[in-house]
Protein backbone atom coordinates (compact mmCIF):
# COMPACT_ATOMS: atom_id res chain seq x y z
CA MET A 1 0.03 -0.14 0.06
CA LYS A 2 1.86 3.19 -0.99
CA TYR A 3 2.40 5.82 1.87
CA VAL A 4 2.21 2.89 4.01
CA ASP A 5 3.96 -0.20 3.70
CA GLU A 6 7.45 1.64 2.94
CA PHE A 7 7.14 3.32 5.85
CA ARG A 8 7.05 -0.17 7.79
CA ASP A 9 9.42 -1.86 5.78
CA ILE A 10 11.71 -3.97 8.13
CA THR A 11 15.29 -3.71 6.12
CA THR A 12 14.72 0.01 6.03
CA VAL A 13 14.07 0.22 9.94
CA LYS A 14 17.27 -1.82 10.50
CA GLN A 15 19.27 0.36 8.32
CA ILE A 16 17.98 3.73 9.79
CA ALA A 17 18.51 2.17 13.68
CA GLU A 18 22.16 1.14 12.75
CA LYS A 19 22.68 4.56 11.28
CA ILE A 20 21.55 6.24 14.67
CA ARG A 21 24.01 3.51 16.20
CA SER A 22 27.15 4.73 14.39
CA ILE A 23 26.87 8.22 14.97
CA VAL A 24 25.67 8.40 18.61
CA THR A 25 28.50 9.01 21.46
CA LYS A 26 26.63 10.51 24.05
CA GLN A 27 23.29 9.98 26.34
CA TRP A 28 20.34 11.96 24.82
CA THR A 29 16.66 12.38 26.11
CA ILE A 30 14.17 12.47 23.38
CA MET A 31 10.20 13.31 23.82
CA GLU A 32 7.68 12.76 21.14
CA ILE A 33 4.80 14.53 22.21
CA CYS A 34 2.20 12.79 20.44
CA GLY A 35 0.19 9.72 21.96
CA GLY A 36 0.20 8.33 18.71
CA GLN A 37 3.65 8.17 18.25
CA THR A 38 4.32 6.77 21.52
CA HIS A 39 1.91 3.99 20.71
CA SER A 40 3.66 3.12 17.39
CA ILE A 41 7.37 2.97 19.21
CA MET A 42 5.81 0.65 21.83
CA LYS A 43 3.94 -1.43 19.08
CA TYR A 44 6.74 -1.83 16.67
CA GLY A 45 9.66 -2.13 19.69
CA LEU A 46 11.66 1.00 18.23
CA GLN A 47 13.17 1.78 21.50
CA GLU A 48 14.73 -2.07 21.76
CA LEU A 49 16.16 -1.35 18.35
CA LEU A 50 17.71 1.97 19.40
CA PRO A 51 21.36 1.98 21.45
CA GLU A 52 20.89 2.66 24.79
CA GLU A 53 22.40 5.96 24.74
CA ILE A 54 18.90 7.11 23.18
CA ASN A 55 16.21 7.33 25.84
CA LEU A 56 12.85 7.99 24.57
CA VAL A 57 10.38 9.84 26.80
CA HIS A 58 6.37 10.15 26.49
CA GLY A 59 5.04 13.83 26.29
CA PRO A 60 1.51 15.58 26.83
CA GLY A 61 0.79 14.89 23.34
CA CYS A 62 -2.81 12.67 24.29
CA PRO A 63 -5.43 15.23 24.14
CA VAL A 64 -8.11 13.15 26.29
CA CYS A 65 -5.52 12.70 28.48
CA VAL A 66 -4.55 16.55 29.31
CA THR A 67 -8.36 17.33 29.91
CA PRO A 68 -9.06 18.83 33.30
CA ILE A 69 -11.03 16.88 35.43
CA GLU A 70 -13.35 20.21 36.02
CA ILE A 71 -14.15 19.94 31.94
CA ILE A 72 -14.96 16.30 32.36
CA ASP A 73 -16.98 16.86 35.06
CA LYS A 74 -19.03 19.45 33.78
CA ALA A 75 -19.45 17.49 30.67
CA HIS A 76 -20.90 14.59 33.04
CA MET A 77 -23.24 16.93 34.88
CA ILE A 78 -24.74 18.28 31.15
CA ALA A 79 -24.89 14.64 30.10
CA GLU A 80 -27.03 13.69 33.06
CA LEU A 81 -29.47 16.72 32.16
CA LYS A 82 -32.91 15.32 31.33
CA ASN A 83 -33.19 17.40 28.20
CA VAL A 84 -29.75 17.13 26.57
CA ILE A 85 -28.32 14.81 23.53
CA PHE A 86 -24.83 14.80 24.80
CA THR A 87 -22.40 13.99 21.89
CA SER A 88 -18.73 13.04 21.68
CA PHE A 89 -15.94 11.10 20.03
CA GLY A 90 -15.87 7.57 21.53
CA ASP A 91 -12.51 7.90 23.19
CA MET A 92 -14.21 10.31 25.80
CA LEU A 93 -16.55 7.56 27.15
CA ARG A 94 -14.58 6.22 29.76
CA VAL A 95 -12.39 9.01 30.86
CA PRO A 96 -12.92 9.25 34.54
CA GLY A 97 -14.03 12.37 36.20
CA SER A 98 -14.75 12.68 39.80
CA TYR A 99 -17.50 10.34 40.45
CA THR A 100 -18.92 8.77 37.19
CA ASP A 101 -17.71 8.28 33.45
CA LEU A 102 -20.06 8.90 29.90
CA LEU A 103 -20.62 4.99 29.45
CA LYS A 104 -22.26 4.94 32.97
CA ILE A 105 -24.20 7.97 32.37
CA LYS A 106 -25.24 6.26 29.29
CA ALA A 107 -26.09 3.03 30.75
CA GLU A 108 -28.14 4.72 33.17
CA GLY A 109 -30.66 6.41 30.63
CA GLY A 110 -28.51 9.67 29.67
CA ASP A 111 -29.01 10.45 26.18
CA VAL A 112 -25.26 9.88 25.08
CA ARG A 113 -24.58 9.64 21.73
CA ILE A 114 -21.15 8.61 19.80
CA VAL A 115 -20.69 11.00 16.61
CA TYR A 116 -17.97 10.66 13.92
CA SER A 117 -17.82 14.56 13.44
CA PRO A 118 -19.18 17.69 15.22
CA LEU A 119 -20.94 18.40 12.35
CA ASP A 120 -22.93 14.97 13.21
CA ALA A 121 -24.11 17.01 16.34
CA VAL A 122 -25.14 20.10 14.51
CA LYS A 123 -27.28 17.76 12.28
CA LEU A 124 -28.89 16.09 15.63
CA ALA A 125 -29.73 19.50 16.86
CA GLU A 126 -31.25 20.55 13.50
CA GLU A 127 -33.51 17.00 13.87
CA ASN A 128 -34.29 17.70 17.75
CA PRO A 129 -35.28 21.39 17.80
CA ASN A 130 -36.79 20.49 21.59
CA LYS A 131 -33.58 19.28 23.21
CA GLU A 132 -30.26 20.88 23.91
CA VAL A 133 -27.43 19.12 21.77
CA VAL A 134 -24.03 19.73 23.16
CA PHE A 135 -20.70 18.20 21.74
CA LEU A 136 -17.76 17.59 23.70
CA ALA A 137 -15.24 19.50 21.91
CA VAL A 138 -11.68 18.52 23.12
CA GLY A 139 -8.37 18.11 21.21
CA PHE A 140 -5.00 19.78 19.64
CA GLU A 141 -5.10 22.05 16.68
CA THR A 142 -5.93 18.76 14.64
CA THR A 143 -9.58 18.79 15.83
CA ALA A 144 -10.16 22.59 16.07
CA PRO A 145 -10.64 23.67 12.77
CA ALA A 146 -13.98 21.00 12.21
CA ASN A 147 -15.29 22.14 15.47
CA ALA A 148 -14.55 25.47 14.76
CA LEU A 149 -16.59 24.67 11.52
CA SER A 150 -19.57 23.20 13.72
CA VAL A 151 -19.70 26.77 15.20
CA SER A 152 -19.79 28.34 11.87
CA VAL A 153 -22.40 26.23 10.79
CA ALA A 154 -25.00 26.65 13.52
CA TYR A 155 -24.43 30.22 13.63
CA LYS A 156 -25.30 30.41 10.05
CA LYS A 157 -28.34 28.29 10.47
CA SER A 158 -29.30 30.02 13.61
CA LEU A 159 -29.55 27.10 15.74
CA LYS A 160 -30.51 28.01 19.45
CA ASN A 161 -30.03 24.47 20.97
CA PHE A 162 -26.36 23.86 19.99
CA SER A 163 -23.28 24.20 21.86
CA ILE A 164 -19.84 23.07 22.21
CA LEU A 165 -18.12 22.27 25.73
CA SER A 166 -14.43 23.17 24.98
CA SER A 167 -11.25 22.32 26.18
CA HIS A 168 -8.88 22.84 23.08
CA VAL A 169 -5.40 23.09 24.05
CA LEU A 170 -2.11 23.92 22.27
CA VAL A 171 1.28 22.25 21.72
CA PRO A 172 3.71 25.27 21.58
CA PRO A 173 3.15 26.46 24.58
CA ALA A 174 3.19 23.09 26.34
CA MET A 175 6.59 22.26 24.95
CA GLU A 176 8.03 25.57 26.15
CA ALA A 177 6.63 24.90 29.73
CA ILE A 178 8.72 21.53 29.57
CA LEU A 179 11.95 23.48 28.38
CA SER A 180 11.70 26.12 30.95
CA SER A 181 11.23 23.73 33.81
CA PRO A 182 13.92 23.58 36.49
CA ASP A 183 12.91 19.78 36.35
CA ASN A 184 13.31 19.60 32.39
CA LEU A 185 15.58 16.62 30.91
CA ILE A 186 14.61 17.13 27.53
CA GLN A 187 17.21 17.75 24.77
CA GLY A 188 15.21 16.92 21.57
CA PHE A 189 11.52 16.99 20.39
CA LEU A 190 9.51 14.67 17.95
CA ALA A 191 6.92 17.09 16.85
CA ALA A 192 3.30 15.96 16.21
CA GLY A 193 2.82 15.45 12.57
CA HIS A 194 -0.68 15.59 12.14
CA VAL A 195 -0.47 19.13 14.41
CA CYS A 196 1.69 20.26 12.06
CA THR A 197 -0.37 19.45 9.10
CA ILE A 198 -2.73 22.03 10.47
CA MET A 199 -0.39 24.46 11.92
CA GLY A 200 2.98 23.88 9.91
CA TYR A 201 5.98 24.61 12.00
CA GLU A 202 7.19 28.34 11.63
CA GLU A 203 5.97 28.66 15.48
CA TYR A 204 8.30 26.07 16.47
CA ILE A 205 11.53 27.85 15.27
CA PRO A 206 11.62 30.36 18.06
CA LEU A 207 11.08 27.54 20.54
CA ALA A 208 14.40 25.53 19.09
CA GLU A 209 16.72 28.78 18.97
CA LYS A 210 15.73 30.12 22.81
CA TYR A 211 15.91 26.45 24.21
CA ARG A 212 18.59 25.32 21.95
CA THR A 213 16.78 22.14 21.38
CA PRO A 214 16.41 20.49 18.26
CA ILE A 215 12.61 19.96 17.28
CA VAL A 216 12.06 17.87 14.14
CA VAL A 217 8.25 16.76 12.70
CA THR A 218 7.50 13.26 12.45
CA GLY A 219 4.96 11.08 11.22
CA PHE A 220 3.79 8.03 12.82
CA GLU A 221 5.07 5.07 11.30
CA PRO A 222 8.54 3.48 12.22
CA VAL A 223 10.42 4.66 9.38
CA ASP A 224 8.75 8.38 10.12
CA ILE A 225 9.70 7.82 13.44
CA LEU A 226 13.38 6.95 13.40
CA ASN A 227 14.01 9.33 10.52
CA GLY A 228 12.83 12.16 12.96
CA ILE A 229 15.24 10.27 15.38
CA LEU A 230 17.95 10.30 13.38
CA ASN A 231 17.64 13.85 12.76
CA THR A 232 17.48 14.97 15.86
CA VAL A 233 20.61 13.02 16.82
CA GLN A 234 22.67 14.75 14.15
CA GLN A 235 21.71 17.78 15.33
CA LEU A 236 22.54 17.01 18.94
CA GLU A 237 25.97 15.50 18.04
CA CYS A 238 27.19 18.54 16.59
CA GLY A 239 25.42 21.06 18.40
CA GLN A 240 22.69 22.05 16.20
CA TYR A 241 19.36 23.39 17.30
CA THR A 242 17.00 23.74 14.30
CA VAL A 243 13.45 22.89 13.15
CA ALA A 244 13.43 20.20 10.73
CA ASN A 245 10.44 18.33 8.69
CA GLU A 246 10.60 14.71 8.34
CA TYR A 247 6.82 14.55 7.49
CA LYS A 248 7.25 16.41 3.86
CA ARG A 249 4.60 13.98 2.26
CA LEU A 250 1.72 15.60 4.63
CA VAL A 251 3.35 18.72 6.28
CA LYS A 252 4.57 22.23 4.74
CA LYS A 253 6.05 25.14 6.57
CA GLU A 254 2.88 27.44 6.64
CA GLY A 255 0.65 24.55 7.32
CA ASN A 256 -3.31 24.36 5.98
CA ILE A 257 -4.08 28.30 5.77
CA PRO A 258 -7.82 27.80 5.06
CA ALA A 259 -8.22 25.58 8.52
CA LYS A 260 -6.15 27.83 10.01
CA GLN A 261 -8.32 30.49 9.15
CA THR A 262 -11.28 28.90 10.26
CA MET A 263 -10.09 28.36 13.61
CA PHE A 264 -9.18 31.61 14.28
CA GLU A 265 -12.27 32.99 12.84
CA ILE A 266 -14.18 31.12 15.72
CA PHE A 267 -11.55 30.76 18.59
CA GLU A 268 -9.10 33.01 20.17
CA ILE A 269 -6.33 32.04 22.44
CA THR A 270 -6.74 31.74 25.99
CA ASP A 271 -4.90 30.41 29.33
CA ARG A 272 -5.80 26.55 29.99
CA THR A 273 -5.74 24.39 32.52
CA TRP A 274 -3.80 20.53 31.34
CA ARG A 275 -4.80 17.61 33.58
CA GLY A 276 -1.99 16.25 35.56
CA ILE A 277 0.21 19.70 34.84
CA GLY A 278 -1.56 22.33 35.74
CA GLU A 279 -2.18 25.70 34.01
CA ILE A 280 -0.41 26.64 31.05
CA PRO A 281 -0.33 30.63 29.90
CA LEU A 282 -2.00 30.91 26.42
CA SER A 283 -2.06 27.25 25.91
CA GLY A 284 -5.44 27.30 24.93
CA LEU A 285 -8.38 28.26 22.78
CA LYS A 286 -11.75 29.72 23.61
CA LEU A 287 -14.92 30.75 21.49
CA LYS A 288 -15.09 34.61 20.76
CA LEU A 289 -17.27 36.85 21.98
CA ASN A 290 -19.58 36.74 18.71
CA TYR A 291 -19.75 32.72 19.26
CA GLU A 292 -20.32 32.83 22.99
CA GLN A 293 -24.21 31.71 22.60
CA PHE A 294 -22.60 28.52 21.84
CA ASP A 295 -20.63 27.83 24.66
CA ALA A 296 -22.09 24.98 26.42
CA GLU A 297 -20.26 26.13 30.23
CA LYS A 298 -21.73 29.66 29.72
CA LYS A 299 -25.31 28.42 28.70
CA PHE A 300 -25.48 25.69 31.38
CA ASN A 301 -23.88 27.55 34.23
CA ILE A 302 -22.78 24.10 36.37
CA GLU A 303 -20.87 24.76 39.06
CA HIS A 304 -17.99 22.51 39.93
CA TYR A 305 -16.42 21.29 43.42
CA LYS A 306 -13.30 20.40 42.27
CA LYS A 307 -12.10 17.19 43.54
CA ASN A 308 -8.40 16.02 44.09
CA GLU A 309 -6.72 13.64 41.53
CA ASP A 310 -5.92 9.99 42.98
CA ALA A 311 -2.82 10.74 45.02
CA ILE A 312 -1.06 7.17 43.30
CA CYS A 313 -1.57 8.49 39.99
CA ILE A 314 1.86 10.00 38.22
CA ALA A 315 -0.07 10.87 35.32
CA GLY A 316 1.58 14.44 35.73
CA GLU A 317 5.16 13.43 35.74
CA ILE A 318 4.62 10.85 32.96
CA MET A 319 3.57 13.60 30.58
CA LEU A 320 6.24 15.88 31.56
CA GLY A 321 8.68 13.27 30.86
CA LEU A 322 10.19 12.70 34.42
CA LYS A 323 8.92 9.57 34.65
CA LYS A 324 7.85 6.18 32.62
CA PRO A 325 4.24 4.62 33.00
CA ASN A 326 5.84 1.49 34.67
CA GLN A 327 7.52 3.29 37.13
CA CYS A 328 3.98 4.28 38.67
CA PRO A 329 3.21 2.05 41.62
CA ALA A 330 -0.29 1.79 40.72
CA PHE A 331 0.38 0.53 37.04
CA GLY A 332 -0.98 -2.84 35.75
CA LYS A 333 -2.33 -3.14 39.43
CA LEU A 334 -5.06 -0.83 41.00
CA CYS A 335 -4.46 1.21 37.67
CA ASN A 336 -5.07 -0.93 34.55
CA PRO A 337 -8.06 -0.29 31.42
CA GLU A 338 -10.49 -1.65 32.82
CA ASN A 339 -10.23 0.38 35.75
CA PRO A 340 -8.16 3.42 35.10
CA LEU A 341 -7.16 5.76 37.74
CA GLY A 342 -6.32 8.30 35.25
CA ALA A 343 -6.80 9.16 31.75
CA PRO A 344 -3.41 8.09 29.94
CA MET A 345 -4.48 4.62 30.92
CA VAL A 346 -7.89 4.85 29.59
CA SER A 347 -7.04 6.99 26.02
CA SER A 348 -6.41 5.26 23.16
CA GLU A 349 -3.67 7.48 22.66
CA GLY A 350 -2.69 7.70 26.69
CA ALA A 351 1.31 6.27 27.24
CA CYS A 352 0.13 4.03 30.29
CA SER A 353 -2.38 2.45 27.87
CA ALA A 354 0.34 1.90 25.35
CA TYR A 355 2.72 0.37 27.88
CA PHE A 356 0.08 -1.87 29.27
CA ARG A 357 -0.74 -2.92 26.00
CA TYR A 358 2.62 -3.62 24.42
CA LYS A 359 5.01 -3.90 27.70
CA LYS A 360 3.04 -4.98 30.35
């Protein structure tokens, strides 16, 4: 299959791994930002192919994992209301809040529906004028344009019964938060290819220069990831700190301009809390004033009494690259996919889920 099989070719994989082995002379810690990359690394055993000097750690690039518990709880409270059709992508249904999850609410009679596009939720609002239809809009820059489009369509159709519960986050501010931390261990980044498909990679250039850290855009197949690691190691070994693109078949420097225009027509940048990490300035998106009528938080005005996260869960340290999932005392015991203590275990992109599935 074109653009798939050739990026999983075992001969090519071994050749790139050998190139990395031949040039590395020092210990290097590299973080892959995206949870999809983490799962590929674990699934294909890429860490085991690399020399022991290369330490791969896993970043906060799982949108489900970093959605704050306050938003999750508000989603659950809205979904329990009688006149609400609550819609979401399937990966959010089992994410634990303070006291329940969407799957349990559905089992108890709540009208919770899985959709495959936010426009499906807009259609439901048209078909059910006497119901409030809410879409749980979480994710990185990748999903923001489609969610913005749903609001734009609802606005043009004058739909009064459609709203989104938004918790969009942005990757570069999170990377800067990691790099600026006194505990930072990261010396190079593999940037998320799908995010850069939308945003391009111009905004990473100041980060690479300021923190003297190479940032390499990669895809999700073994050859993509290993080429990204090779580029990163080459830069580190010779003291270069630039942004490179190893996902040229999809990523352009300027990104997808129409998608960015749609996103910033509807959303504006704001501070955002990341689950397990805390507030990161200017790291999220919120609806602009002209579109606040579609803001479910304001429409339903539900108060939330914050409950502390489970103390044994170290999801925050894992997503900051300070620890790995199997260093958590609860991993595979108190915390597993059937009984997740934190979102990184329940999410299909979570690092804990990847370790449980492939490295238990």
